[in-house]
Amino acid sequence: MQIVPRIKPEHGTITFFLASGAHRQLCRLATTFNTQKQALSYLQKNRTEFERRARARLAAGELEDGIVVLSML
């Protein structure tokens, strides 16, 4: 998984790309943290679990407007 944070207006929301071969899937993680820095730290600490969840949702076709949407563990 390649984590490429993008600034979003919502507090604690991080977007990143899930790499699968040559394909890149946009994912969004919504957290209850107040800052992007806190949310990114949380994502990096739990990277393996979020990658697993994102791949499972992608395989099941659970997309919202073409984006895999995740929330806190």
PDB file of N, CA and C in Angstrom:
ATOM      1  N   MET A   1       0.855  -1.168   0.000  1.00  0.00           N
ATOM      2  CA  MET A   1       0.000   0.000   0.000  1.00  0.00           C
ATOM      3  C   MET A   1       0.897   1.226   0.000  1.00  0.00           C
ATOM      4  N   GLN A   2       0.548   2.184  -0.801  1.00  0.00           N
ATOM      5  CA  GLN A   2       1.259   3.448  -0.833  1.00  0.00           C
ATOM      6  C   GLN A   2       0.358   4.502  -0.214  1.00  0.00           C
ATOM      7  N   ILE A   3       0.822   5.133   0.840  1.00  0.00           N
ATOM      8  CA  ILE A   3       0.037   6.165   1.505  1.00  0.00           C
ATOM      9  C   ILE A   3       0.453   7.515   0.953  1.00  0.00           C
ATOM     10  N   VAL A   4      -0.493   8.162   0.302  1.00  0.00           N
ATOM     11  CA  VAL A   4      -0.256   9.482  -0.268  1.00  0.00           C
ATOM     12  C   VAL A   4      -1.330  10.402   0.299  1.00  0.00           C
ATOM     13  N   PRO A   5      -1.017  11.086   1.390  1.00  0.00           N
ATOM     14  CA  PRO A   5      -2.051  11.927   2.002  1.00  0.00           C
ATOM     15  C   PRO A   5      -2.422  13.106   1.126  1.00  0.00           C
ATOM     16  N   ARG A   6      -3.673  13.439   1.161  1.00  0.00           N
ATOM     17  CA  ARG A   6      -4.176  14.625   0.465  1.00  0.00           C
ATOM     18  C   ARG A   6      -4.927  15.460   1.485  1.00  0.00           C
ATOM     19  N   ILE A   7      -4.802  16.739   1.376  1.00  0.00           N
ATOM     20  CA  ILE A   7      -5.481  17.632   2.309  1.00  0.00           C
ATOM     21  C   ILE A   7      -6.966  17.681   1.949  1.00  0.00           C
ATOM     22  N   LYS A   8      -7.771  17.429   2.935  1.00  0.00           N
ATOM     23  CA  LYS A   8      -9.224  17.480   2.774  1.00  0.00           C
ATOM     24  C   LYS A   8      -9.764  18.514   3.762  1.00  0.00           C
ATOM     25  N   PRO A   9     -10.887  19.141   3.461  1.00  0.00           N
ATOM     26  CA  PRO A   9     -11.426  20.125   4.386  1.00  0.00           C
ATOM     27  C   PRO A   9     -11.934  19.528   5.692  1.00  0.00           C
ATOM     28  N   GLU A  10     -12.343  18.263   5.683  1.00  0.00           N
ATOM     29  CA  GLU A  10     -12.841  17.641   6.899  1.00  0.00           C
ATOM     30  C   GLU A  10     -11.672  17.347   7.820  1.00  0.00           C
ATOM     31  N   HIS A  11     -11.840  17.588   9.100  1.00  0.00           N
ATOM     32  CA  HIS A  11     -10.797  17.289  10.071  1.00  0.00           C
ATOM     33  C   HIS A  11     -10.632  15.784  10.198  1.00  0.00           C
ATOM     34  N   GLY A  12      -9.389  15.319  10.226  1.00  0.00           N
ATOM     35  CA  GLY A  12      -9.104  13.920  10.476  1.00  0.00           C
ATOM     36  C   GLY A  12      -9.459  12.973   9.350  1.00  0.00           C
ATOM     37  N   THR A  13      -9.691  13.469   8.157  1.00  0.00           N
ATOM     38  CA  THR A  13      -9.980  12.605   7.015  1.00  0.00           C
ATOM     39  C   THR A  13      -8.744  12.534   6.139  1.00  0.00           C
ATOM     40  N   ILE A  14      -8.336  11.305   5.824  1.00  0.00           N
ATOM     41  CA  ILE A  14      -7.147  11.075   5.009  1.00  0.00           C
ATOM     42  C   ILE A  14      -7.553  10.296   3.769  1.00  0.00           C
ATOM     43  N   THR A  15      -7.053  10.699   2.625  1.00  0.00           N
ATOM     44  CA  THR A  15      -7.236   9.903   1.413  1.00  0.00           C
ATOM     45  C   THR A  15      -5.883   9.317   1.045  1.00  0.00           C
ATOM     46  N   PHE A  16      -5.914   8.112   0.507  1.00  0.00           N
ATOM     47  CA  PHE A  16      -4.688   7.443   0.111  1.00  0.00           C
ATOM     48  C   PHE A  16      -4.991   6.482  -1.021  1.00  0.00           C
ATOM     49  N   PHE A  17      -3.956   6.001  -1.678  1.00  0.00           N
ATOM     50  CA  PHE A  17      -4.103   5.060  -2.777  1.00  0.00           C
ATOM     51  C   PHE A  17      -3.668   3.677  -2.332  1.00  0.00           C
ATOM     52  N   LEU A  18      -4.468   2.694  -2.674  1.00  0.00           N
ATOM     53  CA  LEU A  18      -4.143   1.292  -2.451  1.00  0.00           C
ATOM     54  C   LEU A  18      -3.586   0.764  -3.761  1.00  0.00           C
ATOM     55  N   ALA A  19      -2.325   0.308  -3.733  1.00  0.00           N
ATOM     56  CA  ALA A  19      -1.679  -0.186  -4.944  1.00  0.00           C
ATOM     57  C   ALA A  19      -1.910  -1.680  -5.089  1.00  0.00           C
ATOM     58  N   SER A  20      -2.328  -2.077  -6.271  1.00  0.00           N
ATOM     59  CA  SER A  20      -2.515  -3.492  -6.588  1.00  0.00           C
ATOM     60  C   SER A  20      -1.969  -3.705  -7.999  1.00  0.00           C
ATOM     61  N   GLY A  21      -0.700  -4.091  -8.074  1.00  0.00           N
ATOM     62  CA  GLY A  21      -0.057  -4.195  -9.381  1.00  0.00           C
ATOM     63  C   GLY A  21       0.057  -2.816  -9.994  1.00  0.00           C
ATOM     64  N   ALA A  22      -0.405  -2.668 -11.220  1.00  0.00           N
ATOM     65  CA  ALA A  22      -0.367  -1.374 -11.899  1.00  0.00           C
ATOM     66  C   ALA A  22      -1.592  -0.516 -11.569  1.00  0.00           C
ATOM     67  N   HIS A  23      -2.579  -1.103 -10.898  1.00  0.00           N
ATOM     68  CA  HIS A  23      -3.823  -0.397 -10.569  1.00  0.00           C
ATOM     69  C   HIS A  23      -3.687   0.341  -9.238  1.00  0.00           C
ATOM     70  N   ARG A  24      -4.246   1.535  -9.160  1.00  0.00           N
ATOM     71  CA  ARG A  24      -4.278   2.328  -7.931  1.00  0.00           C
ATOM     72  C   ARG A  24      -5.734   2.641  -7.614  1.00  0.00           C
ATOM     73  N   GLN A  25      -6.139   2.336  -6.379  1.00  0.00           N
ATOM     74  CA  GLN A  25      -7.511   2.576  -5.957  1.00  0.00           C
ATOM     75  C   GLN A  25      -7.521   3.662  -4.882  1.00  0.00           C
ATOM     76  N   LEU A  26      -8.327   4.679  -5.089  1.00  0.00           N
ATOM     77  CA  LEU A  26      -8.452   5.756  -4.112  1.00  0.00           C
ATOM     78  C   LEU A  26      -9.256   5.267  -2.915  1.00  0.00           C
ATOM     79  N   CYS A  27      -8.746   5.536  -1.716  1.00  0.00           N
ATOM     80  CA  CYS A  27      -9.413   5.153  -0.466  1.00  0.00           C
ATOM     81  C   CYS A  27      -9.509   6.383   0.425  1.00  0.00           C
ATOM     82  N   ARG A  28     -10.528   6.397   1.275  1.00  0.00           N
ATOM     83  CA  ARG A  28     -10.707   7.504   2.217  1.00  0.00           C
ATOM     84  C   ARG A  28     -10.935   6.924   3.610  1.00  0.00           C
ATOM     85  N   LEU A  29     -10.190   7.438   4.576  1.00  0.00           N
ATOM     86  CA  LEU A  29     -10.321   7.016   5.965  1.00  0.00           C
ATOM     87  C   LEU A  29     -10.855   8.178   6.784  1.00  0.00           C
ATOM     88  N   ALA A  30     -12.014   7.984   7.380  1.00  0.00           N
ATOM     89  CA  ALA A  30     -12.610   8.999   8.247  1.00  0.00           C
ATOM     90  C   ALA A  30     -12.278   8.650   9.690  1.00  0.00           C
ATOM     91  N   THR A  31     -11.726   9.625  10.415  1.00  0.00           N
ATOM     92  CA  THR A  31     -11.381   9.417  11.820  1.00  0.00           C
ATOM     93  C   THR A  31     -12.043  10.487  12.676  1.00  0.00           C
ATOM     94  N   THR A  32     -11.909  10.327  13.969  1.00  0.00           N
ATOM     95  CA  THR A  32     -12.441  11.326  14.893  1.00  0.00           C
ATOM     96  C   THR A  32     -11.350  12.277  15.373  1.00  0.00           C
ATOM     97  N   PHE A  33     -10.153  12.168  14.798  1.00  0.00           N
ATOM     98  CA  PHE A  33      -9.062  13.049  15.200  1.00  0.00           C
ATOM     99  C   PHE A  33      -9.313  14.471  14.705  1.00  0.00           C
ATOM    100  N   ASN A  34      -8.721  15.429  15.406  1.00  0.00           N
ATOM    101  CA  ASN A  34      -8.927  16.835  15.058  1.00  0.00           C
ATOM    102  C   ASN A  34      -8.002  17.336  13.971  1.00  0.00           C
ATOM    103  N   THR A  35      -6.879  16.656  13.768  1.00  0.00           N
ATOM    104  CA  THR A  35      -5.918  17.149  12.778  1.00  0.00           C
ATOM    105  C   THR A  35      -5.560  16.070  11.771  1.00  0.00           C
ATOM    106  N   GLN A  36      -5.095  16.520  10.608  1.00  0.00           N
ATOM    107  CA  GLN A  36      -4.620  15.616   9.571  1.00  0.00           C
ATOM    108  C   GLN A  36      -3.406  14.832  10.063  1.00  0.00           C
ATOM    109  N   LYS A  37      -2.542  15.480  10.820  1.00  0.00           N
ATOM    110  CA  LYS A  37      -1.325  14.836  11.321  1.00  0.00           C
ATOM    111  C   LYS A  37      -1.667  13.653  12.227  1.00  0.00           C
ATOM    112  N   GLN A  38      -2.624  13.830  13.125  1.00  0.00           N
ATOM    113  CA  GLN A  38      -3.043  12.745  14.010  1.00  0.00           C
ATOM    114  C   GLN A  38      -3.658  11.603  13.211  1.00  0.00           C
ATOM    115  N   ALA A  39      -4.485  11.926  12.233  1.00  0.00           N
ATOM    116  CA  ALA A  39      -5.138  10.905  11.415  1.00  0.00           C
ATOM    117  C   ALA A  39      -4.117  10.140  10.590  1.00  0.00           C
ATOM    118  N   LEU A  40      -3.135  10.832  10.022  1.00  0.00           N
ATOM    119  CA  LEU A  40      -2.103  10.171   9.235  1.00  0.00           C
ATOM    120  C   LEU A  40      -1.265   9.241  10.111  1.00  0.00           C
ATOM    121  N   SER A  41      -0.935   9.668  11.303  1.00  0.00           N
ATOM    122  CA  SER A  41      -0.184   8.830  12.237  1.00  0.00           C
ATOM    123  C   SER A  41      -0.967   7.561  12.564  1.00  0.00           C
ATOM    124  N   TYR A  42      -2.256   7.715  12.802  1.00  0.00           N
ATOM    125  CA  TYR A  42      -3.133   6.572  13.087  1.00  0.00           C
ATOM    126  C   TYR A  42      -3.167   5.614  11.901  1.00  0.00           C
ATOM    127  N   LEU A  43      -3.288   6.153  10.696  1.00  0.00           N
ATOM    128  CA  LEU A  43      -3.315   5.326   9.495  1.00  0.00           C
ATOM    129  C   LEU A  43      -2.007   4.553   9.345  1.00  0.00           C
ATOM    130  N   GLN A  44      -0.894   5.209   9.552  1.00  0.00           N
ATOM    131  CA  GLN A  44       0.404   4.550   9.399  1.00  0.00           C
ATOM    132  C   GLN A  44       0.609   3.454  10.439  1.00  0.00           C
ATOM    133  N   LYS A  45       0.152   3.668  11.654  1.00  0.00           N
ATOM    134  CA  LYS A  45       0.292   2.658  12.711  1.00  0.00           C
ATOM    135  C   LYS A  45      -0.568   1.428  12.442  1.00  0.00           C
ATOM    136  N   ASN A  46      -1.687   1.602  11.764  1.00  0.00           N
ATOM    137  CA  ASN A  46      -2.625   0.507  11.502  1.00  0.00           C
ATOM    138  C   ASN A  46      -2.685   0.151  10.015  1.00  0.00           C
ATOM    139  N   ARG A  47      -1.617   0.446   9.297  1.00  0.00           N
ATOM    140  CA  ARG A  47      -1.568   0.299   7.845  1.00  0.00           C
ATOM    141  C   ARG A  47      -1.977  -1.083   7.362  1.00  0.00           C
ATOM    142  N   THR A  48      -1.455  -2.138   8.001  1.00  0.00           N
ATOM    143  CA  THR A  48      -1.735  -3.507   7.558  1.00  0.00           C
ATOM    144  C   THR A  48      -3.224  -3.829   7.641  1.00  0.00           C
ATOM    145  N   GLU A  49      -3.862  -3.453   8.723  1.00  0.00           N
ATOM    146  CA  GLU A  49      -5.289  -3.731   8.894  1.00  0.00           C
ATOM    147  C   GLU A  49      -6.126  -2.934   7.894  1.00  0.00           C
ATOM    148  N   PHE A  50      -5.773  -1.666   7.663  1.00  0.00           N
ATOM    149  CA  PHE A  50      -6.532  -0.869   6.698  1.00  0.00           C
ATOM    150  C   PHE A  50      -6.344  -1.381   5.283  1.00  0.00           C
ATOM    151  N   GLU A  51      -5.160  -1.849   4.968  1.00  0.00           N
ATOM    152  CA  GLU A  51      -4.920  -2.432   3.651  1.00  0.00           C
ATOM    153  C   GLU A  51      -5.797  -3.671   3.466  1.00  0.00           C
ATOM    154  N   ARG A  52      -5.861  -4.515   4.478  1.00  0.00           N
ATOM    155  CA  ARG A  52      -6.693  -5.721   4.417  1.00  0.00           C
ATOM    156  C   ARG A  52      -8.160  -5.352   4.231  1.00  0.00           C
ATOM    157  N   ARG A  53      -8.637  -4.396   5.012  1.00  0.00           N
ATOM    158  CA  ARG A  53     -10.043  -3.979   4.919  1.00  0.00           C
ATOM    159  C   ARG A  53     -10.358  -3.353   3.568  1.00  0.00           C
ATOM    160  N   ALA A  54      -9.439  -2.520   3.069  1.00  0.00           N
ATOM    161  CA  ALA A  54      -9.649  -1.866   1.772  1.00  0.00           C
ATOM    162  C   ALA A  54      -9.698  -2.892   0.652  1.00  0.00           C
ATOM    163  N   ARG A  55      -8.798  -3.866   0.677  1.00  0.00           N
ATOM    164  CA  ARG A  55      -8.798  -4.905  -0.359  1.00  0.00           C
ATOM    165  C   ARG A  55     -10.080  -5.738  -0.302  1.00  0.00           C
ATOM    166  N   ALA A  56     -10.561  -6.035   0.901  1.00  0.00           N
ATOM    167  CA  ALA A  56     -11.799  -6.809   1.049  1.00  0.00           C
ATOM    168  C   ALA A  56     -12.988  -6.024   0.495  1.00  0.00           C
ATOM    169  N   ARG A  57     -13.073  -4.738   0.797  1.00  0.00           N
ATOM    170  CA  ARG A  57     -14.179  -3.916   0.287  1.00  0.00           C
ATOM    171  C   ARG A  57     -14.105  -3.758  -1.222  1.00  0.00           C
ATOM    172  N   LEU A  58     -12.896  -3.614  -1.726  1.00  0.00           N
ATOM    173  CA  LEU A  58     -12.717  -3.495  -3.169  1.00  0.00           C
ATOM    174  C   LEU A  58     -13.154  -4.787  -3.863  1.00  0.00           C
ATOM    175  N   ALA A  59     -12.769  -5.925  -3.317  1.00  0.00           N
ATOM    176  CA  ALA A  59     -13.145  -7.223  -3.895  1.00  0.00           C
ATOM    177  C   ALA A  59     -14.655  -7.440  -3.858  1.00  0.00           C
ATOM    178  N   ALA A  60     -15.304  -6.924  -2.803  1.00  0.00           N
ATOM    179  CA  ALA A  60     -16.752  -7.073  -2.665  1.00  0.00           C
ATOM    180  C   ALA A  60     -17.518  -6.018  -3.469  1.00  0.00           C
ATOM    181  N   GLY A  61     -16.789  -5.078  -4.059  1.00  0.00           N
ATOM    182  CA  GLY A  61     -17.450  -4.027  -4.837  1.00  0.00           C
ATOM    183  C   GLY A  61     -18.097  -2.966  -3.979  1.00  0.00           C
ATOM    184  N   GLU A  62     -17.680  -2.844  -2.731  1.00  0.00           N
ATOM    185  CA  GLU A  62     -18.248  -1.859  -1.811  1.00  0.00           C
ATOM    186  C   GLU A  62     -17.550  -0.521  -1.985  1.00  0.00           C
ATOM    187  N   LEU A  63     -17.964   0.215  -3.008  1.00  0.00           N
ATOM    188  CA  LEU A  63     -17.388   1.513  -3.312  1.00  0.00           C
ATOM    189  C   LEU A  63     -18.465   2.585  -3.217  1.00  0.00           C
ATOM    190  N   GLU A  64     -18.044   3.777  -2.834  1.00  0.00           N
ATOM    191  CA  GLU A  64     -18.934   4.938  -2.833  1.00  0.00           C
ATOM    192  C   GLU A  64     -18.352   5.947  -3.808  1.00  0.00           C
ATOM    193  N   ASP A  65     -19.016   6.149  -4.914  1.00  0.00           N
ATOM    194  CA  ASP A  65     -18.543   7.047  -5.975  1.00  0.00           C
ATOM    195  C   ASP A  65     -17.138   6.663  -6.422  1.00  0.00           C
ATOM    196  N   GLY A  66     -16.867   5.361  -6.493  1.00  0.00           N
ATOM    197  CA  GLY A  66     -15.577   4.857  -6.955  1.00  0.00           C
ATOM    198  C   GLY A  66     -14.476   4.897  -5.924  1.00  0.00           C
ATOM    199  N   ILE A  67     -14.818   5.193  -4.676  1.00  0.00           N
ATOM    200  CA  ILE A  67     -13.832   5.315  -3.597  1.00  0.00           C
ATOM    201  C   ILE A  67     -14.128   4.263  -2.530  1.00  0.00           C
ATOM    202  N   VAL A  68     -13.069   3.616  -2.027  1.00  0.00           N
ATOM    203  CA  VAL A  68     -13.215   2.710  -0.897  1.00  0.00           C
ATOM    204  C   VAL A  68     -13.252   3.584   0.354  1.00  0.00           C
ATOM    205  N   VAL A  69     -14.338   3.512   1.108  1.00  0.00           N
ATOM    206  CA  VAL A  69     -14.507   4.353   2.302  1.00  0.00           C
ATOM    207  C   VAL A  69     -14.313   3.479   3.529  1.00  0.00           C
ATOM    208  N   LEU A  70     -13.394   3.927   4.401  1.00  0.00           N
ATOM    209  CA  LEU A  70     -13.086   3.212   5.634  1.00  0.00           C
ATOM    210  C   LEU A  70     -13.321   4.131   6.811  1.00  0.00           C
ATOM    211  N   SER A  71     -13.500   3.517   7.987  1.00  0.00           N
ATOM    212  CA  SER A  71     -13.607   4.301   9.213  1.00  0.00           C
ATOM    213  C   SER A  71     -12.669   3.700  10.251  1.00  0.00           C
ATOM    214  N   MET A  72     -12.568   4.339  11.376  1.00  0.00           N
ATOM    215  CA  MET A  72     -11.639   3.911  12.421  1.00  0.00           C
ATOM    216  C   MET A  72     -11.921   2.474  12.855  1.00  0.00           C
ATOM    217  N   LEU A  73     -10.867   1.814  13.344  1.00  0.00           N
ATOM    218  CA  LEU A  73     -10.990   0.447  13.863  1.00  0.00           C
ATOM    219  C   LEU A  73     -11.728   0.437  15.175  1.00  0.00           C
TER     220      LEU A  73
END
